[in-house]
Amino acid sequence: MAFSLFGGSDKKDSGVAPVSGDSSNVNSIKENLQAQILQEIALTNATELISKISNNCYEKCILNPGSSLSAADAACLDQCSEKYIQAWNTISRRYLARVQSESRN
């Protein structure tokens, strides 16, 4: 079976019923897809945040890796991750405000 550029089959009959002309049905499908995309974006952002916190804070705080964390290492990790999350939230809020401002204009 050959696939087109966007992953679909290039056969004429895909086995999927065409979407009817009912605009409420089309809008519902569109809204569901948008919600799914937003969830995927949020998951990707959260995964990226956790990865960056793990990598950056580990490099900064764990100078002598061992079988357990010292109290100083744990405190450093707590402070580092808190600062990273605060910075991430500040940047995200400002970015969203800018996008919303530009979309209004």
PDB file of N, CA and C in Angstrom:
ATOM      1  N   MET A   1       0.853  -1.174   0.000  1.00  0.00           N
ATOM      2  CA  MET A   1       0.000   0.000   0.000  1.00  0.00           C
ATOM      3  C   MET A   1       0.897   1.234   0.000  1.00  0.00           C
ATOM      4  N   ALA A   2       0.669   2.144  -0.920  1.00  0.00           N
ATOM      5  CA  ALA A   2       1.445   3.389  -1.001  1.00  0.00           C
ATOM      6  C   ALA A   2       0.761   4.459  -0.170  1.00  0.00           C
ATOM      7  N   PHE A   3       1.566   5.363   0.374  1.00  0.00           N
ATOM      8  CA  PHE A   3       1.026   6.442   1.196  1.00  0.00           C
ATOM      9  C   PHE A   3       1.372   7.782   0.580  1.00  0.00           C
ATOM     10  N   SER A   4       0.474   8.719   0.781  1.00  0.00           N
ATOM     11  CA  SER A   4       0.725  10.070   0.281  1.00  0.00           C
ATOM     12  C   SER A   4       1.626  10.817   1.243  1.00  0.00           C
ATOM     13  N   LEU A   5       1.924  12.039   0.915  1.00  0.00           N
ATOM     14  CA  LEU A   5       2.824  12.871   1.704  1.00  0.00           C
ATOM     15  C   LEU A   5       2.375  13.005   3.154  1.00  0.00           C
ATOM     16  N   PHE A   6       1.082  13.046   3.402  1.00  0.00           N
ATOM     17  CA  PHE A   6       0.572  13.272   4.747  1.00  0.00           C
ATOM     18  C   PHE A   6       0.131  11.991   5.438  1.00  0.00           C
ATOM     19  N   GLY A   7       0.569  10.840   4.964  1.00  0.00           N
ATOM     20  CA  GLY A   7       0.341   9.598   5.664  1.00  0.00           C
ATOM     21  C   GLY A   7      -0.911   8.848   5.255  1.00  0.00           C
ATOM     22  N   GLY A   8      -1.718   9.392   4.386  1.00  0.00           N
ATOM     23  CA  GLY A   8      -2.908   8.700   3.953  1.00  0.00           C
ATOM     24  C   GLY A   8      -2.627   7.821   2.763  1.00  0.00           C
ATOM     25  N   SER A   9      -3.529   6.938   2.486  1.00  0.00           N
ATOM     26  CA  SER A   9      -3.392   6.066   1.332  1.00  0.00           C
ATOM     27  C   SER A   9      -3.670   6.863   0.072  1.00  0.00           C
ATOM     28  N   ASP A  10      -2.976   6.494  -1.003  1.00  0.00           N
ATOM     29  CA  ASP A  10      -3.243   7.196  -2.253  1.00  0.00           C
ATOM     30  C   ASP A  10      -4.324   6.494  -3.061  1.00  0.00           C
ATOM     31  N   LYS A  11      -4.970   5.464  -2.506  1.00  0.00           N
ATOM     32  CA  LYS A  11      -6.079   4.803  -3.173  1.00  0.00           C
ATOM     33  C   LYS A  11      -7.301   5.711  -3.149  1.00  0.00           C
ATOM     34  N   LYS A  12      -8.160   5.540  -4.120  1.00  0.00           N
ATOM     35  CA  LYS A  12      -9.370   6.358  -4.205  1.00  0.00           C
ATOM     36  C   LYS A  12     -10.337   6.069  -3.067  1.00  0.00           C
ATOM     37  N   ASP A  13     -10.511   4.790  -2.690  1.00  0.00           N
ATOM     38  CA  ASP A  13     -11.432   4.425  -1.626  1.00  0.00           C
ATOM     39  C   ASP A  13     -10.648   4.179  -0.357  1.00  0.00           C
ATOM     40  N   SER A  14     -10.724   5.114   0.578  1.00  0.00           N
ATOM     41  CA  SER A  14      -9.959   4.992   1.817  1.00  0.00           C
ATOM     42  C   SER A  14     -10.731   4.242   2.890  1.00  0.00           C
ATOM     43  N   GLY A  15     -12.014   3.965   2.640  1.00  0.00           N
ATOM     44  CA  GLY A  15     -12.813   3.287   3.633  1.00  0.00           C
ATOM     45  C   GLY A  15     -13.369   4.220   4.686  1.00  0.00           C
ATOM     46  N   VAL A  16     -13.096   5.504   4.578  1.00  0.00           N
ATOM     47  CA  VAL A  16     -13.582   6.490   5.529  1.00  0.00           C
ATOM     48  C   VAL A  16     -14.733   7.234   4.872  1.00  0.00           C
ATOM     49  N   ALA A  17     -15.832   7.307   5.582  1.00  0.00           N
ATOM     50  CA  ALA A  17     -16.992   7.996   5.039  1.00  0.00           C
ATOM     51  C   ALA A  17     -16.705   9.482   4.937  1.00  0.00           C
ATOM     52  N   PRO A  18     -17.123  10.127   3.864  1.00  0.00           N
ATOM     53  CA  PRO A  18     -16.901  11.567   3.745  1.00  0.00           C
ATOM     54  C   PRO A  18     -17.692  12.311   4.810  1.00  0.00           C
ATOM     55  N   VAL A  19     -17.156  13.439   5.227  1.00  0.00           N
ATOM     56  CA  VAL A  19     -17.823  14.269   6.220  1.00  0.00           C
ATOM     57  C   VAL A  19     -19.003  14.949   5.552  1.00  0.00           C
ATOM     58  N   SER A  20     -20.157  14.882   6.213  1.00  0.00           N
ATOM     59  CA  SER A  20     -21.344  15.490   5.626  1.00  0.00           C
ATOM     60  C   SER A  20     -21.228  17.000   5.665  1.00  0.00           C
ATOM     61  N   GLY A  21     -22.107  17.658   5.002  1.00  0.00           N
ATOM     62  CA  GLY A  21     -22.096  19.110   4.925  1.00  0.00           C
ATOM     63  C   GLY A  21     -22.634  19.789   6.175  1.00  0.00           C
ATOM     64  N   ASP A  22     -23.014  19.032   7.174  1.00  0.00           N
ATOM     65  CA  ASP A  22     -23.558  19.590   8.411  1.00  0.00           C
ATOM     66  C   ASP A  22     -22.479  20.398   9.112  1.00  0.00           C
ATOM     67  N   SER A  23     -22.640  21.722   9.151  1.00  0.00           N
ATOM     68  CA  SER A  23     -21.601  22.587   9.693  1.00  0.00           C
ATOM     69  C   SER A  23     -21.414  22.386  11.197  1.00  0.00           C
ATOM     70  N   SER A  24     -22.461  22.010  11.933  1.00  0.00           N
ATOM     71  CA  SER A  24     -22.291  21.788  13.370  1.00  0.00           C
ATOM     72  C   SER A  24     -21.429  20.554  13.621  1.00  0.00           C
ATOM     73  N   ASN A  25     -21.575  19.526  12.780  1.00  0.00           N
ATOM     74  CA  ASN A  25     -20.750  18.327  12.894  1.00  0.00           C
ATOM     75  C   ASN A  25     -19.298  18.652  12.554  1.00  0.00           C
ATOM     76  N   VAL A  26     -19.088  19.423  11.513  1.00  0.00           N
ATOM     77  CA  VAL A  26     -17.738  19.815  11.109  1.00  0.00           C
ATOM     78  C   VAL A  26     -17.095  20.665  12.197  1.00  0.00           C
ATOM     79  N   ASN A  27     -17.851  21.608  12.759  1.00  0.00           N
ATOM     80  CA  ASN A  27     -17.332  22.455  13.844  1.00  0.00           C
ATOM     81  C   ASN A  27     -16.991  21.634  15.074  1.00  0.00           C
ATOM     82  N   SER A  28     -17.807  20.637  15.374  1.00  0.00           N
ATOM     83  CA  SER A  28     -17.548  19.771  16.526  1.00  0.00           C
ATOM     84  C   SER A  28     -16.249  18.986  16.321  1.00  0.00           C
ATOM     85  N   ILE A  29     -16.069  18.449  15.136  1.00  0.00           N
ATOM     86  CA  ILE A  29     -14.843  17.710  14.820  1.00  0.00           C
ATOM     87  C   ILE A  29     -13.638  18.637  14.896  1.00  0.00           C
ATOM     88  N   LYS A  30     -13.798  19.843  14.356  1.00  0.00           N
ATOM     89  CA  LYS A  30     -12.707  20.827  14.386  1.00  0.00           C
ATOM     90  C   LYS A  30     -12.336  21.184  15.820  1.00  0.00           C
ATOM     91  N   GLU A  31     -13.335  21.413  16.661  1.00  0.00           N
ATOM     92  CA  GLU A  31     -13.083  21.756  18.061  1.00  0.00           C
ATOM     93  C   GLU A  31     -12.398  20.610  18.797  1.00  0.00           C
ATOM     94  N   ASN A  32     -12.825  19.379  18.521  1.00  0.00           N
ATOM     95  CA  ASN A  32     -12.191  18.218  19.150  1.00  0.00           C
ATOM     96  C   ASN A  32     -10.733  18.093  18.726  1.00  0.00           C
ATOM     97  N   LEU A  33     -10.459  18.296  17.452  1.00  0.00           N
ATOM     98  CA  LEU A  33      -9.080  18.233  16.967  1.00  0.00           C
ATOM     99  C   LEU A  33      -8.226  19.335  17.588  1.00  0.00           C
ATOM    100  N   GLN A  34      -8.789  20.531  17.684  1.00  0.00           N
ATOM    101  CA  GLN A  34      -8.051  21.633  18.307  1.00  0.00           C
ATOM    102  C   GLN A  34      -7.748  21.325  19.771  1.00  0.00           C
ATOM    103  N   ALA A  35      -8.706  20.753  20.474  1.00  0.00           N
ATOM    104  CA  ALA A  35      -8.496  20.393  21.882  1.00  0.00           C
ATOM    105  C   ALA A  35      -7.407  19.333  22.005  1.00  0.00           C
ATOM    106  N   GLN A  36      -7.423  18.345  21.111  1.00  0.00           N
ATOM    107  CA  GLN A  36      -6.389  17.311  21.134  1.00  0.00           C
ATOM    108  C   GLN A  36      -5.014  17.892  20.841  1.00  0.00           C
ATOM    109  N   ILE A  37      -4.948  18.804  19.897  1.00  0.00           N
ATOM    110  CA  ILE A  37      -3.668  19.441  19.556  1.00  0.00           C
ATOM    111  C   ILE A  37      -3.155  20.243  20.743  1.00  0.00           C
ATOM    112  N   LEU A  38      -4.035  20.990  21.398  1.00  0.00           N
ATOM    113  CA  LEU A  38      -3.636  21.768  22.574  1.00  0.00           C
ATOM    114  C   LEU A  38      -3.139  20.859  23.696  1.00  0.00           C
ATOM    115  N   GLN A  39      -3.773  19.703  23.875  1.00  0.00           N
ATOM    116  CA  GLN A  39      -3.321  18.753  24.888  1.00  0.00           C
ATOM    117  C   GLN A  39      -1.934  18.216  24.544  1.00  0.00           C
ATOM    118  N   GLU A  40      -1.711  17.904  23.274  1.00  0.00           N
ATOM    119  CA  GLU A  40      -0.400  17.410  22.838  1.00  0.00           C
ATOM    120  C   GLU A  40       0.681  18.478  23.037  1.00  0.00           C
ATOM    121  N   ILE A  41       0.344  19.715  22.741  1.00  0.00           N
ATOM    122  CA  ILE A  41       1.296  20.815  22.934  1.00  0.00           C
ATOM    123  C   ILE A  41       1.617  20.966  24.415  1.00  0.00           C
ATOM    124  N   ALA A  42       0.600  20.917  25.259  1.00  0.00           N
ATOM    125  CA  ALA A  42       0.817  21.041  26.701  1.00  0.00           C
ATOM    126  C   ALA A  42       1.681  19.898  27.220  1.00  0.00           C
ATOM    127  N   LEU A  43       1.423  18.690  26.738  1.00  0.00           N
ATOM    128  CA  LEU A  43       2.224  17.541  27.155  1.00  0.00           C
ATOM    129  C   LEU A  43       3.670  17.683  26.694  1.00  0.00           C
ATOM    130  N   THR A  44       3.865  18.138  25.472  1.00  0.00           N
ATOM    131  CA  THR A  44       5.211  18.356  24.940  1.00  0.00           C
ATOM    132  C   THR A  44       5.935  19.427  25.747  1.00  0.00           C
ATOM    133  N   ASN A  45       5.258  20.513  26.060  1.00  0.00           N
ATOM    134  CA  ASN A  45       5.865  21.579  26.865  1.00  0.00           C
ATOM    135  C   ASN A  45       6.231  21.088  28.259  1.00  0.00           C
ATOM    136  N   ALA A  46       5.342  20.318  28.883  1.00  0.00           N
ATOM    137  CA  ALA A  46       5.631  19.794  30.218  1.00  0.00           C
ATOM    138  C   ALA A  46       6.821  18.837  30.179  1.00  0.00           C
ATOM    139  N   THR A  47       6.872  17.994  29.166  1.00  0.00           N
ATOM    140  CA  THR A  47       7.988  17.061  29.016  1.00  0.00           C
ATOM    141  C   THR A  47       9.293  17.816  28.816  1.00  0.00           C
ATOM    142  N   GLU A  48       9.252  18.850  27.996  1.00  0.00           N
ATOM    143  CA  GLU A  48      10.448  19.667  27.762  1.00  0.00           C
ATOM    144  C   GLU A  48      10.894  20.359  29.045  1.00  0.00           C
ATOM    145  N   LEU A  49       9.946  20.892  29.802  1.00  0.00           N
ATOM    146  CA  LEU A  49      10.268  21.565  31.063  1.00  0.00           C
ATOM    147  C   LEU A  49      10.942  20.596  32.035  1.00  0.00           C
ATOM    148  N   ILE A  50      10.368  19.427  32.206  1.00  0.00           N
ATOM    149  CA  ILE A  50      10.934  18.437  33.125  1.00  0.00           C
ATOM    150  C   ILE A  50      12.327  18.017  32.663  1.00  0.00           C
ATOM    151  N   SER A  51      12.488  17.832  31.381  1.00  0.00           N
ATOM    152  CA  SER A  51      13.803  17.441  30.846  1.00  0.00           C
ATOM    153  C   SER A  51      14.850  18.522  31.099  1.00  0.00           C
ATOM    154  N   LYS A  52      14.484  19.770  30.843  1.00  0.00           N
ATOM    155  CA  LYS A  52      15.425  20.870  31.059  1.00  0.00           C
ATOM    156  C   LYS A  52      15.753  21.046  32.538  1.00  0.00           C
ATOM    157  N   ILE A  53      14.734  20.928  33.387  1.00  0.00           N
ATOM    158  CA  ILE A  53      14.983  21.034  34.823  1.00  0.00           C
ATOM    159  C   ILE A  53      15.931  19.921  35.259  1.00  0.00           C
ATOM    160  N   SER A  54      15.643  18.712  34.821  1.00  0.00           N
ATOM    161  CA  SER A  54      16.481  17.573  35.211  1.00  0.00           C
ATOM    162  C   SER A  54      17.921  17.770  34.775  1.00  0.00           C
ATOM    163  N   ASN A  55      18.109  18.114  33.519  1.00  0.00           N
ATOM    164  CA  ASN A  55      19.469  18.269  32.999  1.00  0.00           C
ATOM    165  C   ASN A  55      20.203  19.442  33.637  1.00  0.00           C
ATOM    166  N   ASN A  56      19.579  20.602  33.623  1.00  0.00           N
ATOM    167  CA  ASN A  56      20.253  21.810  34.118  1.00  0.00           C
ATOM    168  C   ASN A  56      20.478  21.787  35.627  1.00  0.00           C
ATOM    169  N   CYS A  57      19.464  21.391  36.368  1.00  0.00           N
ATOM    170  CA  CYS A  57      19.611  21.393  37.823  1.00  0.00           C
ATOM    171  C   CYS A  57      20.542  20.276  38.290  1.00  0.00           C
ATOM    172  N   TYR A  58      20.528  19.148  37.609  1.00  0.00           N
ATOM    173  CA  TYR A  58      21.465  18.081  37.965  1.00  0.00           C
ATOM    174  C   TYR A  58      22.897  18.559  37.783  1.00  0.00           C
ATOM    175  N   GLU A  59      23.170  19.174  36.628  1.00  0.00           N
ATOM    176  CA  GLU A  59      24.526  19.660  36.359  1.00  0.00           C
ATOM    177  C   GLU A  59      24.956  20.719  37.378  1.00  0.00           C
ATOM    178  N   LYS A  60      24.015  21.556  37.796  1.00  0.00           N
ATOM    179  CA  LYS A  60      24.338  22.640  38.725  1.00  0.00           C
ATOM    180  C   LYS A  60      24.482  22.147  40.165  1.00  0.00           C
ATOM    181  N   CYS A  61      23.640  21.215  40.562  1.00  0.00           N
ATOM    182  CA  CYS A  61      23.532  20.877  41.980  1.00  0.00           C
ATOM    183  C   CYS A  61      24.269  19.602  42.406  1.00  0.00           C
ATOM    184  N   ILE A  62      24.389  18.656  41.535  1.00  0.00           N
ATOM    185  CA  ILE A  62      24.984  17.376  41.922  1.00  0.00           C
ATOM    186  C   ILE A  62      26.438  17.362  41.469  1.00  0.00           C
ATOM    187  N   LEU A  63      27.298  17.823  42.350  1.00  0.00           N
ATOM    188  CA  LEU A  63      28.717  17.931  42.023  1.00  0.00           C
ATOM    189  C   LEU A  63      29.448  16.611  42.217  1.00  0.00           C
ATOM    190  N   ASN A  64      29.034  15.839  43.206  1.00  0.00           N
ATOM    191  CA  ASN A  64      29.643  14.540  43.496  1.00  0.00           C
ATOM    192  C   ASN A  64      28.548  13.478  43.552  1.00  0.00           C
ATOM    193  N   PRO A  65      28.173  12.903  42.394  1.00  0.00           N
ATOM    194  CA  PRO A  65      27.095  11.907  42.387  1.00  0.00           C
ATOM    195  C   PRO A  65      27.429  10.715  43.284  1.00  0.00           C
ATOM    196  N   GLY A  66      26.413  10.232  43.939  1.00  0.00           N
ATOM    197  CA  GLY A  66      26.573   9.076  44.804  1.00  0.00           C
ATOM    198  C   GLY A  66      25.290   8.278  44.841  1.00  0.00           C
ATOM    199  N   SER A  67      25.192   7.396  45.823  1.00  0.00           N
ATOM    200  CA  SER A  67      24.017   6.535  45.908  1.00  0.00           C
ATOM    201  C   SER A  67      22.816   7.245  46.534  1.00  0.00           C
ATOM    202  N   SER A  68      23.058   8.387  47.171  1.00  0.00           N
ATOM    203  CA  SER A  68      21.956   9.158  47.758  1.00  0.00           C
ATOM    204  C   SER A  68      22.283  10.647  47.671  1.00  0.00           C
ATOM    205  N   LEU A  69      21.233  11.451  47.846  1.00  0.00           N
ATOM    206  CA  LEU A  69      21.410  12.901  47.812  1.00  0.00           C
ATOM    207  C   LEU A  69      21.744  13.424  49.198  1.00  0.00           C
ATOM    208  N   SER A  70      22.667  14.350  49.250  1.00  0.00           N
ATOM    209  CA  SER A  70      22.924  15.027  50.522  1.00  0.00           C
ATOM    210  C   SER A  70      21.832  16.070  50.734  1.00  0.00           C
ATOM    211  N   ALA A  71      21.735  16.568  51.933  1.00  0.00           N
ATOM    212  CA  ALA A  71      20.748  17.607  52.240  1.00  0.00           C
ATOM    213  C   ALA A  71      21.009  18.849  51.385  1.00  0.00           C
ATOM    214  N   ALA A  72      22.279  19.185  51.198  1.00  0.00           N
ATOM    215  CA  ALA A  72      22.631  20.360  50.387  1.00  0.00           C
ATOM    216  C   ALA A  72      22.235  20.138  48.924  1.00  0.00           C
ATOM    217  N   ASP A  73      22.464  18.929  48.411  1.00  0.00           N
ATOM    218  CA  ASP A  73      22.067  18.619  47.028  1.00  0.00           C
ATOM    219  C   ASP A  73      20.555  18.722  46.863  1.00  0.00           C
ATOM    220  N   ALA A  74      19.817  18.168  47.807  1.00  0.00           N
ATOM    221  CA  ALA A  74      18.356  18.209  47.740  1.00  0.00           C
ATOM    222  C   ALA A  74      17.838  19.637  47.805  1.00  0.00           C
ATOM    223  N   ALA A  75      18.410  20.445  48.680  1.00  0.00           N
ATOM    224  CA  ALA A  75      17.993  21.844  48.792  1.00  0.00           C
ATOM    225  C   ALA A  75      18.304  22.597  47.508  1.00  0.00           C
ATOM    226  N   CYS A  76      19.471  22.344  46.939  1.00  0.00           N
ATOM    227  CA  CYS A  76      19.855  22.992  45.680  1.00  0.00           C
ATOM    228  C   CYS A  76      18.888  22.600  44.562  1.00  0.00           C
ATOM    229  N   LEU A  77      18.552  21.309  44.473  1.00  0.00           N
ATOM    230  CA  LEU A  77      17.608  20.845  43.447  1.00  0.00           C
ATOM    231  C   LEU A  77      16.239  21.494  43.614  1.00  0.00           C
ATOM    232  N   ASP A  78      15.781  21.606  44.859  1.00  0.00           N
ATOM    233  CA  ASP A  78      14.488  22.260  45.125  1.00  0.00           C
ATOM    234  C   ASP A  78      14.501  23.715  44.661  1.00  0.00           C
ATOM    235  N   GLN A  79      15.533  24.449  45.046  1.00  0.00           N
ATOM    236  CA  GLN A  79      15.632  25.858  44.671  1.00  0.00           C
ATOM    237  C   GLN A  79      15.779  26.024  43.166  1.00  0.00           C
ATOM    238  N   CYS A  80      16.609  25.205  42.563  1.00  0.00           N
ATOM    239  CA  CYS A  80      16.840  25.298  41.120  1.00  0.00           C
ATOM    240  C   CYS A  80      15.553  25.022  40.346  1.00  0.00           C
ATOM    241  N   SER A  81      14.859  23.946  40.713  1.00  0.00           N
ATOM    242  CA  SER A  81      13.635  23.605  39.983  1.00  0.00           C
ATOM    243  C   SER A  81      12.559  24.664  40.192  1.00  0.00           C
ATOM    244  N   GLU A  82      12.459  25.207  41.399  1.00  0.00           N
ATOM    245  CA  GLU A  82      11.480  26.269  41.673  1.00  0.00           C
ATOM    246  C   GLU A  82      11.758  27.502  40.819  1.00  0.00           C
ATOM    247  N   LYS A  83      13.009  27.906  40.748  1.00  0.00           N
ATOM    248  CA  LYS A  83      13.380  29.072  39.931  1.00  0.00           C
ATOM    249  C   LYS A  83      13.113  28.806  38.452  1.00  0.00           C
ATOM    250  N   TYR A  84      13.423  27.610  38.009  1.00  0.00           N
ATOM    251  CA  TYR A  84      13.215  27.257  36.603  1.00  0.00           C
ATOM    252  C   TYR A  84      11.734  27.307  36.254  1.00  0.00           C
ATOM    253  N   ILE A  85      10.902  26.770  37.125  1.00  0.00           N
ATOM    254  CA  ILE A  85       9.455  26.770  36.879  1.00  0.00           C
ATOM    255  C   ILE A  85       8.909  28.194  36.905  1.00  0.00           C
ATOM    256  N   GLN A  86       9.363  29.011  37.841  1.00  0.00           N
ATOM    257  CA  GLN A  86       8.920  30.416  37.892  1.00  0.00           C
ATOM    258  C   GLN A  86       9.301  31.145  36.601  1.00  0.00           C
ATOM    259  N   ALA A  87      10.511  30.943  36.146  1.00  0.00           N
ATOM    260  CA  ALA A  87      10.949  31.585  34.906  1.00  0.00           C
ATOM    261  C   ALA A  87      10.126  31.090  33.727  1.00  0.00           C
ATOM    262  N   TRP A  88       9.878  29.794  33.659  1.00  0.00           N
ATOM    263  CA  TRP A  88       9.090  29.196  32.583  1.00  0.00           C
ATOM    264  C   TRP A  88       7.683  29.797  32.570  1.00  0.00           C
ATOM    265  N   ASN A  89       7.071  29.913  33.754  1.00  0.00           N
ATOM    266  CA  ASN A  89       5.718  30.474  33.850  1.00  0.00           C
ATOM    267  C   ASN A  89       5.689  31.940  33.431  1.00  0.00           C
ATOM    268  N   THR A  90       6.677  32.714  33.854  1.00  0.00           N
ATOM    269  CA  THR A  90       6.747  34.130  33.477  1.00  0.00           C
ATOM    270  C   THR A  90       6.864  34.280  31.962  1.00  0.00           C
ATOM    271  N   ILE A  91       7.756  33.523  31.379  1.00  0.00           N
ATOM    272  CA  ILE A  91       7.953  33.588  29.929  1.00  0.00           C
ATOM    273  C   ILE A  91       6.693  33.136  29.201  1.00  0.00           C
ATOM    274  N   SER A  92       6.067  32.067  29.671  1.00  0.00           N
ATOM    275  CA  SER A  92       4.840  31.567  29.031  1.00  0.00           C
ATOM    276  C   SER A  92       3.720  32.594  29.089  1.00  0.00           C
ATOM    277  N   ARG A  93       3.528  33.226  30.263  1.00  0.00           N
ATOM    278  CA  ARG A  93       2.474  34.247  30.389  1.00  0.00           C
ATOM    279  C   ARG A  93       2.723  35.415  29.441  1.00  0.00           C
ATOM    280  N   ARG A  94       3.955  35.879  29.391  1.00  0.00           N
ATOM    281  CA  ARG A  94       4.268  37.011  28.513  1.00  0.00           C
ATOM    282  C   ARG A  94       4.115  36.638  27.046  1.00  0.00           C
ATOM    283  N   TYR A  95       4.522  35.439  26.698  1.00  0.00           N
ATOM    284  CA  TYR A  95       4.372  34.983  25.312  1.00  0.00           C
ATOM    285  C   TYR A  95       2.894  34.921  24.932  1.00  0.00           C
ATOM    286  N   LEU A  96       2.071  34.320  25.806  1.00  0.00           N
ATOM    287  CA  LEU A  96       0.641  34.232  25.516  1.00  0.00           C
ATOM    288  C   LEU A  96      -0.002  35.609  25.424  1.00  0.00           C
ATOM    289  N   ALA A  97       0.384  36.511  26.303  1.00  0.00           N
ATOM    290  CA  ALA A  97      -0.158  37.872  26.251  1.00  0.00           C
ATOM    291  C   ALA A  97       0.221  38.542  24.934  1.00  0.00           C
ATOM    292  N   ARG A  98       1.434  38.336  24.492  1.00  0.00           N
ATOM    293  CA  ARG A  98       1.877  38.928  23.225  1.00  0.00           C
ATOM    294  C   ARG A  98       1.124  38.336  22.042  1.00  0.00           C
ATOM    295  N   VAL A  99       0.936  37.025  22.049  1.00  0.00           N
ATOM    296  CA  VAL A  99       0.190  36.371  20.965  1.00  0.00           C
ATOM    297  C   VAL A  99      -1.241  36.870  20.939  1.00  0.00           C
ATOM    298  N   GLN A 100      -1.864  36.983  22.112  1.00  0.00           N
ATOM    299  CA  GLN A 100      -3.240  37.471  22.170  1.00  0.00           C
ATOM    300  C   GLN A 100      -3.323  38.921  21.714  1.00  0.00           C
ATOM    301  N   SER A 101      -2.371  39.735  22.101  1.00  0.00           N
ATOM    302  CA  SER A 101      -2.349  41.130  21.699  1.00  0.00           C
ATOM    303  C   SER A 101      -2.202  41.267  20.189  1.00  0.00           C
ATOM    304  N   GLU A 102      -1.307  40.465  19.616  1.00  0.00           N
ATOM    305  CA  GLU A 102      -1.098  40.517  18.174  1.00  0.00           C
ATOM    306  C   GLU A 102      -2.290  39.967  17.407  1.00  0.00           C
ATOM    307  N   SER A 103      -2.997  38.984  17.981  1.00  0.00           N
ATOM    308  CA  SER A 103      -4.154  38.424  17.273  1.00  0.00           C
ATOM    309  C   SER A 103      -5.329  39.409  17.269  1.00  0.00           C
ATOM    310  N   ARG A 104      -5.392  40.302  18.261  1.00  0.00           N
ATOM    311  CA  ARG A 104      -6.446  41.313  18.296  1.00  0.00           C
ATOM    312  C   ARG A 104      -6.198  42.407  17.259  1.00  0.00           C
ATOM    313  N   ASN A 105      -4.947  42.664  16.970  1.00  0.00           N
ATOM    314  CA  ASN A 105      -4.614  43.764  16.035  1.00  0.00           C
ATOM    315  C   ASN A 105      -4.668  43.350  14.611  1.00  0.00           C
TER     316      ASN A 105
END
